[in-house]
């Protein structure tokens, strides 16, 4: 690693102040950033740990029935929470126990890995990402592979998830990393169905609008018969071709619908 300063603020205000330093970098659970530092692929001058900020931890149900999750809440704490079963089940599938004990929901959403699980849950649920400066709707938050609407120095303090009538997350696991080769989160609300896909596209997480329309009319796996996503733009690598991932999107979405229903 390179040499760097380490700050561990107690409040959001102190964290924002520390992040104003040149080349400062926020540190959540460190599950992505620490390996990146070890490989010398990043060289921040200051690491600002968010793990000690009490106001960014904890999970509760809001006045409108939404699940409110502090940005520094770990995957393990989300997995143990009640109130949104599909989201808790998703968190319980992330990595292994060591990763779930350290990794945080805010860190995952800020990093926006194209194969991460939480982005699919946030997008399918119509979540709101709250930062130290504003609130961002999930539909406006994700901007491509490892890209988000966050400004420099902006910190995710809380994520609010509307709880649908029924929902399920289905993941085709890449065995070595436990990331999603393809993951699909299906959420049925009173006004329609939202479907978000992770792990498949070169542009990161996306909503599958054709599936949403079909499932809003008939929430059954058979409603997806004949629907496909374009292989162009899908990820192609040693784990699977573009065509393979495009095929998996339909298969995994059907499994998610069957499990939810």
C-alpha atoms as a PDB file:
ATOM      1  CA  UNK A   1       0.000   0.000   0.000  1.00  0.00           C
ATOM      2  CA  UNK A   2       0.903   3.665  -0.315  1.00  0.00           C
ATOM      3  CA  UNK A   3       1.235   5.825   2.792  1.00  0.00           C
ATOM      4  CA  UNK A   4      -1.937   7.654   3.798  1.00  0.00           C
ATOM      5  CA  UNK A   5      -3.552   9.425   6.732  1.00  0.00           C
ATOM      6  CA  UNK A   6      -6.425   7.709   8.565  1.00  0.00           C
ATOM      7  CA  UNK A   7      -9.413   9.548  10.010  1.00  0.00           C
ATOM      8  CA  UNK A   8     -12.256   7.989  12.006  1.00  0.00           C
ATOM      9  CA  UNK A   9     -14.914  10.659  12.635  1.00  0.00           C
ATOM     10  CA  UNK A  10     -17.789  10.254  15.087  1.00  0.00           C
ATOM     11  CA  UNK A  11     -20.382  12.308  13.212  1.00  0.00           C
ATOM     12  CA  UNK A  12     -21.537  12.842   9.647  1.00  0.00           C
ATOM     13  CA  UNK A  13     -20.494  16.496   9.866  1.00  0.00           C
ATOM     14  CA  UNK A  14     -16.959  15.513  10.868  1.00  0.00           C
ATOM     15  CA  UNK A  15     -16.826  12.943   8.078  1.00  0.00           C
ATOM     16  CA  UNK A  16     -17.872  15.530   5.496  1.00  0.00           C
ATOM     17  CA  UNK A  17     -15.180  17.879   6.794  1.00  0.00           C
ATOM     18  CA  UNK A  18     -12.544  15.146   6.590  1.00  0.00           C
ATOM     19  CA  UNK A  19     -13.644  14.286   3.045  1.00  0.00           C
ATOM     20  CA  UNK A  20     -12.852  17.859   1.957  1.00  0.00           C
ATOM     21  CA  UNK A  21      -9.138  17.065   2.081  1.00  0.00           C
ATOM     22  CA  UNK A  22      -7.349  16.619  -1.232  1.00  0.00           C
ATOM     23  CA  UNK A  23      -7.590  13.034  -2.527  1.00  0.00           C
ATOM     24  CA  UNK A  24      -9.626  11.855   0.465  1.00  0.00           C
ATOM     25  CA  UNK A  25     -11.485   8.559   0.144  1.00  0.00           C
ATOM     26  CA  UNK A  26     -14.398   7.258   2.217  1.00  0.00           C
ATOM     27  CA  UNK A  27     -13.937   3.805   3.756  1.00  0.00           C
ATOM     28  CA  UNK A  28     -16.996   1.713   4.548  1.00  0.00           C
ATOM     29  CA  UNK A  29     -16.401  -1.981   5.209  1.00  0.00           C
ATOM     30  CA  UNK A  30     -13.324  -1.995   2.980  1.00  0.00           C
ATOM     31  CA  UNK A  31     -14.276  -5.147   1.083  1.00  0.00           C
ATOM     32  CA  UNK A  32     -13.436  -3.517  -2.250  1.00  0.00           C
ATOM     33  CA  UNK A  33     -11.217  -0.590  -1.286  1.00  0.00           C
ATOM     34  CA  UNK A  34      -8.666  -2.462   0.861  1.00  0.00           C
ATOM     35  CA  UNK A  35      -7.814  -5.038  -1.863  1.00  0.00           C
ATOM     36  CA  UNK A  36      -7.617  -2.133  -4.326  1.00  0.00           C
ATOM     37  CA  UNK A  37      -5.101  -0.361  -2.079  1.00  0.00           C
ATOM     38  CA  UNK A  38      -3.088  -3.543  -1.645  1.00  0.00           C
ATOM     39  CA  UNK A  39      -2.779  -3.836  -5.424  1.00  0.00           C
ATOM     40  CA  UNK A  40      -1.781  -0.147  -5.592  1.00  0.00           C
ATOM     41  CA  UNK A  41      -4.664   0.612  -7.914  1.00  0.00           C
ATOM     42  CA  UNK A  42      -5.717   3.534  -5.711  1.00  0.00           C
ATOM     43  CA  UNK A  43      -3.639   6.014  -3.745  1.00  0.00           C
ATOM     44  CA  UNK A  44      -5.795   8.283  -1.570  1.00  0.00           C
ATOM     45  CA  UNK A  45      -4.001  10.724   0.708  1.00  0.00           C
ATOM     46  CA  UNK A  46      -6.605  10.303   3.459  1.00  0.00           C
ATOM     47  CA  UNK A  47      -8.880   7.383   4.331  1.00  0.00           C
ATOM     48  CA  UNK A  48     -12.035   8.477   6.156  1.00  0.00           C
ATOM     49  CA  UNK A  49     -13.586   5.545   8.014  1.00  0.00           C
ATOM     50  CA  UNK A  50     -17.387   5.705   8.338  1.00  0.00           C
ATOM     51  CA  UNK A  51     -17.695   2.699  10.643  1.00  0.00           C
ATOM     52  CA  UNK A  52     -17.747   4.708  13.868  1.00  0.00           C
ATOM     53  CA  UNK A  53     -20.606   7.041  12.976  1.00  0.00           C
ATOM     54  CA  UNK A  54     -23.575   5.974  15.081  1.00  0.00           C
ATOM     55  CA  UNK A  55     -26.116   8.012  13.106  1.00  0.00           C
ATOM     56  CA  UNK A  56     -25.250   5.997   9.985  1.00  0.00           C
ATOM     57  CA  UNK A  57     -26.022   2.649  11.614  1.00  0.00           C
ATOM     58  CA  UNK A  58     -29.202   0.840  12.506  1.00  0.00           C
ATOM     59  CA  UNK A  59     -32.318  -0.408  10.712  1.00  0.00           C
ATOM     60  CA  UNK A  60     -35.912   0.590  11.366  1.00  0.00           C
ATOM     61  CA  UNK A  61     -39.314   0.798   9.693  1.00  0.00           C
ATOM     62  CA  UNK A  62     -40.357   4.301   8.623  1.00  0.00           C
ATOM     63  CA  UNK A  63     -43.702   6.052   8.986  1.00  0.00           C
ATOM     64  CA  UNK A  64     -44.681   5.079   5.430  1.00  0.00           C
ATOM     65  CA  UNK A  65     -43.841   1.408   5.942  1.00  0.00           C
ATOM     66  CA  UNK A  66     -40.443   1.648   4.252  1.00  0.00           C
ATOM     67  CA  UNK A  67     -37.322  -0.024   5.615  1.00  0.00           C
ATOM     68  CA  UNK A  68     -34.718   2.594   6.566  1.00  0.00           C
ATOM     69  CA  UNK A  69     -31.132   1.312   6.659  1.00  0.00           C
ATOM     70  CA  UNK A  70     -28.155   3.337   7.854  1.00  0.00           C
ATOM     71  CA  UNK A  71     -25.399   3.618   5.268  1.00  0.00           C
ATOM     72  CA  UNK A  72     -22.842   1.961   7.578  1.00  0.00           C
ATOM     73  CA  UNK A  73     -25.090  -1.021   8.374  1.00  0.00           C
ATOM     74  CA  UNK A  74     -23.390  -4.293   7.551  1.00  0.00           C
ATOM     75  CA  UNK A  75     -24.718  -6.986   5.257  1.00  0.00           C
ATOM     76  CA  UNK A  76     -25.068  -9.236   8.309  1.00  0.00           C
ATOM     77  CA  UNK A  77     -27.299  -6.726  10.079  1.00  0.00           C
ATOM     78  CA  UNK A  78     -29.496  -6.365   6.991  1.00  0.00           C
ATOM     79  CA  UNK A  79     -29.712 -10.158   6.708  1.00  0.00           C
ATOM     80  CA  UNK A  80     -30.901 -10.359  10.312  1.00  0.00           C
ATOM     81  CA  UNK A  81     -33.506  -7.594   9.966  1.00  0.00           C
ATOM     82  CA  UNK A  82     -37.218  -8.192   9.660  1.00  0.00           C
ATOM     83  CA  UNK A  83     -39.711  -6.169   7.652  1.00  0.00           C
ATOM     84  CA  UNK A  84     -38.478  -6.819   4.101  1.00  0.00           C
ATOM     85  CA  UNK A  85     -37.853 -10.522   3.742  1.00  0.00           C
ATOM     86  CA  UNK A  86     -36.566 -10.483   0.157  1.00  0.00           C
ATOM     87  CA  UNK A  87     -33.989  -7.796   0.961  1.00  0.00           C
ATOM     88  CA  UNK A  88     -32.782  -9.641   4.068  1.00  0.00           C
ATOM     89  CA  UNK A  89     -32.498 -12.859   2.061  1.00  0.00           C
ATOM     90  CA  UNK A  90     -30.440 -11.020  -0.561  1.00  0.00           C
ATOM     91  CA  UNK A  91     -28.051  -9.708   2.092  1.00  0.00           C
ATOM     92  CA  UNK A  92     -27.633 -13.222   3.465  1.00  0.00           C
ATOM     93  CA  UNK A  93     -26.321 -14.397   0.076  1.00  0.00           C
ATOM     94  CA  UNK A  94     -23.554 -11.796  -0.209  1.00  0.00           C
ATOM     95  CA  UNK A  95     -20.038 -13.221  -0.033  1.00  0.00           C
ATOM     96  CA  UNK A  96     -19.262 -15.287   3.053  1.00  0.00           C
ATOM     97  CA  UNK A  97     -19.730 -14.640   6.789  1.00  0.00           C
ATOM     98  CA  UNK A  98     -16.527 -12.593   7.007  1.00  0.00           C
ATOM     99  CA  UNK A  99     -17.591 -10.344   4.124  1.00  0.00           C
ATOM    100  CA  UNK A 100     -21.100  -9.945   5.539  1.00  0.00           C
ATOM    101  CA  UNK A 101     -19.675  -8.955   8.928  1.00  0.00           C
ATOM    102  CA  UNK A 102     -17.595  -6.107   7.458  1.00  0.00           C
ATOM    103  CA  UNK A 103     -19.180  -4.983   4.191  1.00  0.00           C
ATOM    104  CA  UNK A 104     -21.785  -2.208   4.314  1.00  0.00           C
ATOM    105  CA  UNK A 105     -24.808  -1.352   2.209  1.00  0.00           C
ATOM    106  CA  UNK A 106     -23.601   2.218   1.709  1.00  0.00           C
ATOM    107  CA  UNK A 107     -20.211   1.060   0.520  1.00  0.00           C
ATOM    108  CA  UNK A 108     -21.751  -1.383  -1.941  1.00  0.00           C
ATOM    109  CA  UNK A 109     -24.102   1.193  -3.440  1.00  0.00           C
ATOM    110  CA  UNK A 110     -21.371   3.838  -3.613  1.00  0.00           C
ATOM    111  CA  UNK A 111     -19.048   1.422  -5.432  1.00  0.00           C
ATOM    112  CA  UNK A 112     -21.837   0.176  -7.760  1.00  0.00           C
ATOM    113  CA  UNK A 113     -20.029  -2.929  -8.925  1.00  0.00           C
ATOM    114  CA  UNK A 114     -21.833  -4.228 -12.046  1.00  0.00           C
ATOM    115  CA  UNK A 115     -22.286  -7.635 -10.389  1.00  0.00           C
ATOM    116  CA  UNK A 116     -23.247  -6.464  -6.887  1.00  0.00           C
ATOM    117  CA  UNK A 117     -26.577  -7.484  -5.362  1.00  0.00           C
ATOM    118  CA  UNK A 118     -27.801  -4.352  -3.561  1.00  0.00           C
ATOM    119  CA  UNK A 119     -28.119  -2.226  -6.732  1.00  0.00           C
ATOM    120  CA  UNK A 120     -30.744  -4.664  -8.050  1.00  0.00           C
ATOM    121  CA  UNK A 121     -32.698  -4.447  -4.787  1.00  0.00           C
ATOM    122  CA  UNK A 122     -32.526  -0.653  -4.696  1.00  0.00           C
ATOM    123  CA  UNK A 123     -33.592  -0.239  -8.319  1.00  0.00           C
ATOM    124  CA  UNK A 124     -36.380  -2.840  -8.214  1.00  0.00           C
ATOM    125  CA  UNK A 125     -37.716  -1.475  -4.926  1.00  0.00           C
ATOM    126  CA  UNK A 126     -37.649   2.140  -6.049  1.00  0.00           C
ATOM    127  CA  UNK A 127     -35.403   2.978  -3.108  1.00  0.00           C
ATOM    128  CA  UNK A 128     -34.240   6.429  -2.091  1.00  0.00           C
ATOM    129  CA  UNK A 129     -30.539   6.973  -1.439  1.00  0.00           C
ATOM    130  CA  UNK A 130     -30.085   9.658   1.200  1.00  0.00           C
ATOM    131  CA  UNK A 131     -26.744  11.451   1.436  1.00  0.00           C
ATOM    132  CA  UNK A 132     -25.335  14.191   3.622  1.00  0.00           C
ATOM    133  CA  UNK A 133     -26.563  16.693   1.020  1.00  0.00           C
ATOM    134  CA  UNK A 134     -29.755  15.369  -0.647  1.00  0.00           C
ATOM    135  CA  UNK A 135     -32.036  12.460  -1.501  1.00  0.00           C
ATOM    136  CA  UNK A 136     -31.630  10.583  -4.800  1.00  0.00           C
ATOM    137  CA  UNK A 137     -34.199   8.243  -6.332  1.00  0.00           C
ATOM    138  CA  UNK A 138     -32.716   4.899  -7.363  1.00  0.00           C
ATOM    139  CA  UNK A 139     -33.867   5.491 -10.957  1.00  0.00           C
ATOM    140  CA  UNK A 140     -31.601   8.568 -11.041  1.00  0.00           C
ATOM    141  CA  UNK A 141     -28.747   7.182  -8.969  1.00  0.00           C
ATOM    142  CA  UNK A 142     -27.147   4.433 -11.082  1.00  0.00           C
ATOM    143  CA  UNK A 143     -25.250   5.847 -14.056  1.00  0.00           C
ATOM    144  CA  UNK A 144     -23.300   2.881 -15.420  1.00  0.00           C
ATOM    145  CA  UNK A 145     -20.529   0.505 -14.444  1.00  0.00           C
ATOM    146  CA  UNK A 146     -18.983   1.783 -11.173  1.00  0.00           C
ATOM    147  CA  UNK A 147     -20.680   5.145 -11.827  1.00  0.00           C
ATOM    148  CA  UNK A 148     -23.292   6.871  -9.678  1.00  0.00           C
ATOM    149  CA  UNK A 149     -24.880  10.279  -9.193  1.00  0.00           C
ATOM    150  CA  UNK A 150     -22.768  10.905  -6.071  1.00  0.00           C
ATOM    151  CA  UNK A 151     -20.700  14.067  -6.142  1.00  0.00           C
ATOM    152  CA  UNK A 152     -17.126  14.138  -4.907  1.00  0.00           C
ATOM    153  CA  UNK A 153     -17.109  13.967  -1.119  1.00  0.00           C
ATOM    154  CA  UNK A 154     -20.787  12.991  -0.899  1.00  0.00           C
ATOM    155  CA  UNK A 155     -21.608  10.230   1.604  1.00  0.00           C
ATOM    156  CA  UNK A 156     -24.521   7.773   1.641  1.00  0.00           C
ATOM    157  CA  UNK A 157     -26.049   8.135   5.102  1.00  0.00           C
ATOM    158  CA  UNK A 158     -29.234   6.074   4.697  1.00  0.00           C
ATOM    159  CA  UNK A 159     -31.146   3.977   2.176  1.00  0.00           C
ATOM    160  CA  UNK A 160     -34.946   3.814   2.286  1.00  0.00           C
ATOM    161  CA  UNK A 161     -36.649   0.806   0.712  1.00  0.00           C
ATOM    162  CA  UNK A 162     -40.401   0.823   0.020  1.00  0.00           C
ATOM    163  CA  UNK A 163     -41.648  -2.668   0.881  1.00  0.00           C
ATOM    164  CA  UNK A 164     -43.577  -4.308  -1.995  1.00  0.00           C
ATOM    165  CA  UNK A 165     -46.497  -6.714  -1.715  1.00  0.00           C
ATOM    166  CA  UNK A 166     -44.241  -9.592  -2.751  1.00  0.00           C
ATOM    167  CA  UNK A 167     -40.647  -9.745  -3.939  1.00  0.00           C
ATOM    168  CA  UNK A 168     -37.764 -12.127  -4.507  1.00  0.00           C
ATOM    169  CA  UNK A 169     -34.100 -11.962  -5.483  1.00  0.00           C
ATOM    170  CA  UNK A 170     -32.691 -14.808  -7.530  1.00  0.00           C
ATOM    171  CA  UNK A 171     -28.943 -15.029  -8.116  1.00  0.00           C
ATOM    172  CA  UNK A 172     -26.942 -17.284 -10.412  1.00  0.00           C
ATOM    173  CA  UNK A 173     -23.749 -17.336  -8.370  1.00  0.00           C
ATOM    174  CA  UNK A 174     -20.209 -17.098  -9.657  1.00  0.00           C
ATOM    175  CA  UNK A 175     -18.750 -19.683  -7.248  1.00  0.00           C
ATOM    176  CA  UNK A 176     -15.315 -18.125  -6.692  1.00  0.00           C
ATOM    177  CA  UNK A 177     -16.431 -14.573  -5.882  1.00  0.00           C
ATOM    178  CA  UNK A 178     -20.041 -15.151  -4.774  1.00  0.00           C
ATOM    179  CA  UNK A 179     -20.985 -12.206  -6.983  1.00  0.00           C
ATOM    180  CA  UNK A 180     -23.932 -12.558  -9.348  1.00  0.00           C
ATOM    181  CA  UNK A 181     -23.174 -13.930 -12.787  1.00  0.00           C
ATOM    182  CA  UNK A 182     -26.760 -12.772 -13.277  1.00  0.00           C
ATOM    183  CA  UNK A 183     -29.033 -11.605 -10.482  1.00  0.00           C
ATOM    184  CA  UNK A 184     -32.675 -10.512 -10.793  1.00  0.00           C
ATOM    185  CA  UNK A 185     -34.796  -8.739  -8.177  1.00  0.00           C
ATOM    186  CA  UNK A 186     -38.548  -8.777  -8.837  1.00  0.00           C
ATOM    187  CA  UNK A 187     -40.856  -6.557  -6.769  1.00  0.00           C
ATOM    188  CA  UNK A 188     -44.639  -6.402  -7.137  1.00  0.00           C
ATOM    189  CA  UNK A 189     -46.323  -3.202  -5.933  1.00  0.00           C
ATOM    190  CA  UNK A 190     -49.977  -2.195  -6.119  1.00  0.00           C
ATOM    191  CA  UNK A 191     -49.284  -0.042  -9.172  1.00  0.00           C
ATOM    192  CA  UNK A 192     -47.121  -2.534 -11.050  1.00  0.00           C
ATOM    193  CA  UNK A 193     -44.018  -4.690 -11.112  1.00  0.00           C
ATOM    194  CA  UNK A 194     -40.381  -3.583 -11.141  1.00  0.00           C
ATOM    195  CA  UNK A 195     -37.607  -5.878 -12.392  1.00  0.00           C
ATOM    196  CA  UNK A 196     -33.920  -5.054 -11.960  1.00  0.00           C
ATOM    197  CA  UNK A 197     -31.028  -7.076 -13.363  1.00  0.00           C
ATOM    198  CA  UNK A 198     -27.444  -7.100 -12.105  1.00  0.00           C
ATOM    199  CA  UNK A 199     -24.332  -8.950 -13.263  1.00  0.00           C
ATOM    200  CA  UNK A 200     -25.357  -9.037 -16.913  1.00  0.00           C
ATOM    201  CA  UNK A 201     -24.859  -5.656 -18.570  1.00  0.00           C
ATOM    202  CA  UNK A 202     -21.737  -3.696 -19.412  1.00  0.00           C
ATOM    203  CA  UNK A 203     -23.687  -0.646 -18.213  1.00  0.00           C
ATOM    204  CA  UNK A 204     -24.304  -2.130 -14.782  1.00  0.00           C
ATOM    205  CA  UNK A 205     -27.677  -2.670 -13.129  1.00  0.00           C
ATOM    206  CA  UNK A 206     -30.741  -1.986 -15.294  1.00  0.00           C
ATOM    207  CA  UNK A 207     -34.523  -2.298 -15.283  1.00  0.00           C
ATOM    208  CA  UNK A 208     -36.003  -4.769 -17.763  1.00  0.00           C
ATOM    209  CA  UNK A 209     -39.008  -2.765 -18.924  1.00  0.00           C
ATOM    210  CA  UNK A 210     -40.476  -5.450 -21.224  1.00  0.00           C
ATOM    211  CA  UNK A 211     -40.604  -7.919 -18.342  1.00  0.00           C
ATOM    212  CA  UNK A 212     -42.139  -5.276 -16.078  1.00  0.00           C
ATOM    213  CA  UNK A 213     -44.963  -4.669 -18.534  1.00  0.00           C
ATOM    214  CA  UNK A 214     -45.640  -8.380 -19.007  1.00  0.00           C
ATOM    215  CA  UNK A 215     -45.595  -9.147 -15.289  1.00  0.00           C
ATOM    216  CA  UNK A 216     -47.739  -6.135 -14.404  1.00  0.00           C
ATOM    217  CA  UNK A 217     -50.414  -7.605 -16.660  1.00  0.00           C
ATOM    218  CA  UNK A 218     -49.916 -11.194 -15.451  1.00  0.00           C
ATOM    219  CA  UNK A 219     -47.598 -11.965 -12.543  1.00  0.00           C
ATOM    220  CA  UNK A 220     -46.609 -15.438 -13.675  1.00  0.00           C
ATOM    221  CA  UNK A 221     -43.425 -16.914 -15.107  1.00  0.00           C
ATOM    222  CA  UNK A 222     -45.305 -17.835 -18.279  1.00  0.00           C
ATOM    223  CA  UNK A 223     -45.799 -14.137 -19.008  1.00  0.00           C
ATOM    224  CA  UNK A 224     -42.083 -13.958 -19.821  1.00  0.00           C
ATOM    225  CA  UNK A 225     -42.232 -16.629 -22.535  1.00  0.00           C
ATOM    226  CA  UNK A 226     -40.700 -15.289 -25.725  1.00  0.00           C
ATOM    227  CA  UNK A 227     -39.120 -12.242 -24.074  1.00  0.00           C
ATOM    228  CA  UNK A 228     -35.385 -11.741 -24.524  1.00  0.00           C
ATOM    229  CA  UNK A 229     -32.766  -9.107 -23.835  1.00  0.00           C
ATOM    230  CA  UNK A 230     -30.327  -8.077 -26.541  1.00  0.00           C
ATOM    231  CA  UNK A 231     -26.987  -9.857 -26.172  1.00  0.00           C
ATOM    232  CA  UNK A 232     -25.268  -6.761 -27.490  1.00  0.00           C
ATOM    233  CA  UNK A 233     -24.115  -4.805 -24.466  1.00  0.00           C
ATOM    234  CA  UNK A 234     -24.082  -7.819 -22.154  1.00  0.00           C
ATOM    235  CA  UNK A 235     -20.887  -8.755 -20.311  1.00  0.00           C
ATOM    236  CA  UNK A 236     -18.812 -11.411 -22.022  1.00  0.00           C
ATOM    237  CA  UNK A 237     -15.902 -12.975 -20.117  1.00  0.00           C
ATOM    238  CA  UNK A 238     -14.364 -16.303 -19.098  1.00  0.00           C
ATOM    239  CA  UNK A 239     -17.429 -17.060 -16.956  1.00  0.00           C
ATOM    240  CA  UNK A 240     -19.966 -16.694 -19.738  1.00  0.00           C
ATOM    241  CA  UNK A 241     -20.525 -15.204 -23.180  1.00  0.00           C
ATOM    242  CA  UNK A 242     -22.807 -12.258 -23.959  1.00  0.00           C
ATOM    243  CA  UNK A 243     -25.385 -14.656 -25.377  1.00  0.00           C
ATOM    244  CA  UNK A 244     -25.194 -16.874 -22.289  1.00  0.00           C
ATOM    245  CA  UNK A 245     -25.868 -13.971 -19.948  1.00  0.00           C
ATOM    246  CA  UNK A 246     -28.714 -12.699 -22.133  1.00  0.00           C
ATOM    247  CA  UNK A 247     -30.293 -16.155 -21.951  1.00  0.00           C
ATOM    248  CA  UNK A 248     -29.791 -16.304 -18.185  1.00  0.00           C
ATOM    249  CA  UNK A 249     -31.662 -13.034 -17.656  1.00  0.00           C
ATOM    250  CA  UNK A 250     -34.910 -14.649 -18.810  1.00  0.00           C
ATOM    251  CA  UNK A 251     -34.258 -17.892 -16.925  1.00  0.00           C
ATOM    252  CA  UNK A 252     -33.381 -16.191 -13.627  1.00  0.00           C
ATOM    253  CA  UNK A 253     -36.287 -13.758 -13.899  1.00  0.00           C
ATOM    254  CA  UNK A 254     -38.698 -16.665 -14.297  1.00  0.00           C
ATOM    255  CA  UNK A 255     -37.210 -18.348 -11.233  1.00  0.00           C
ATOM    256  CA  UNK A 256     -37.568 -15.119  -9.247  1.00  0.00           C
ATOM    257  CA  UNK A 257     -41.227 -14.768 -10.235  1.00  0.00           C
ATOM    258  CA  UNK A 258     -42.007 -18.382  -9.337  1.00  0.00           C
ATOM    259  CA  UNK A 259     -40.319 -18.016  -5.954  1.00  0.00           C
ATOM    260  CA  UNK A 260     -42.071 -14.716  -5.229  1.00  0.00           C
ATOM    261  CA  UNK A 261     -45.482 -16.006  -6.222  1.00  0.00           C
END
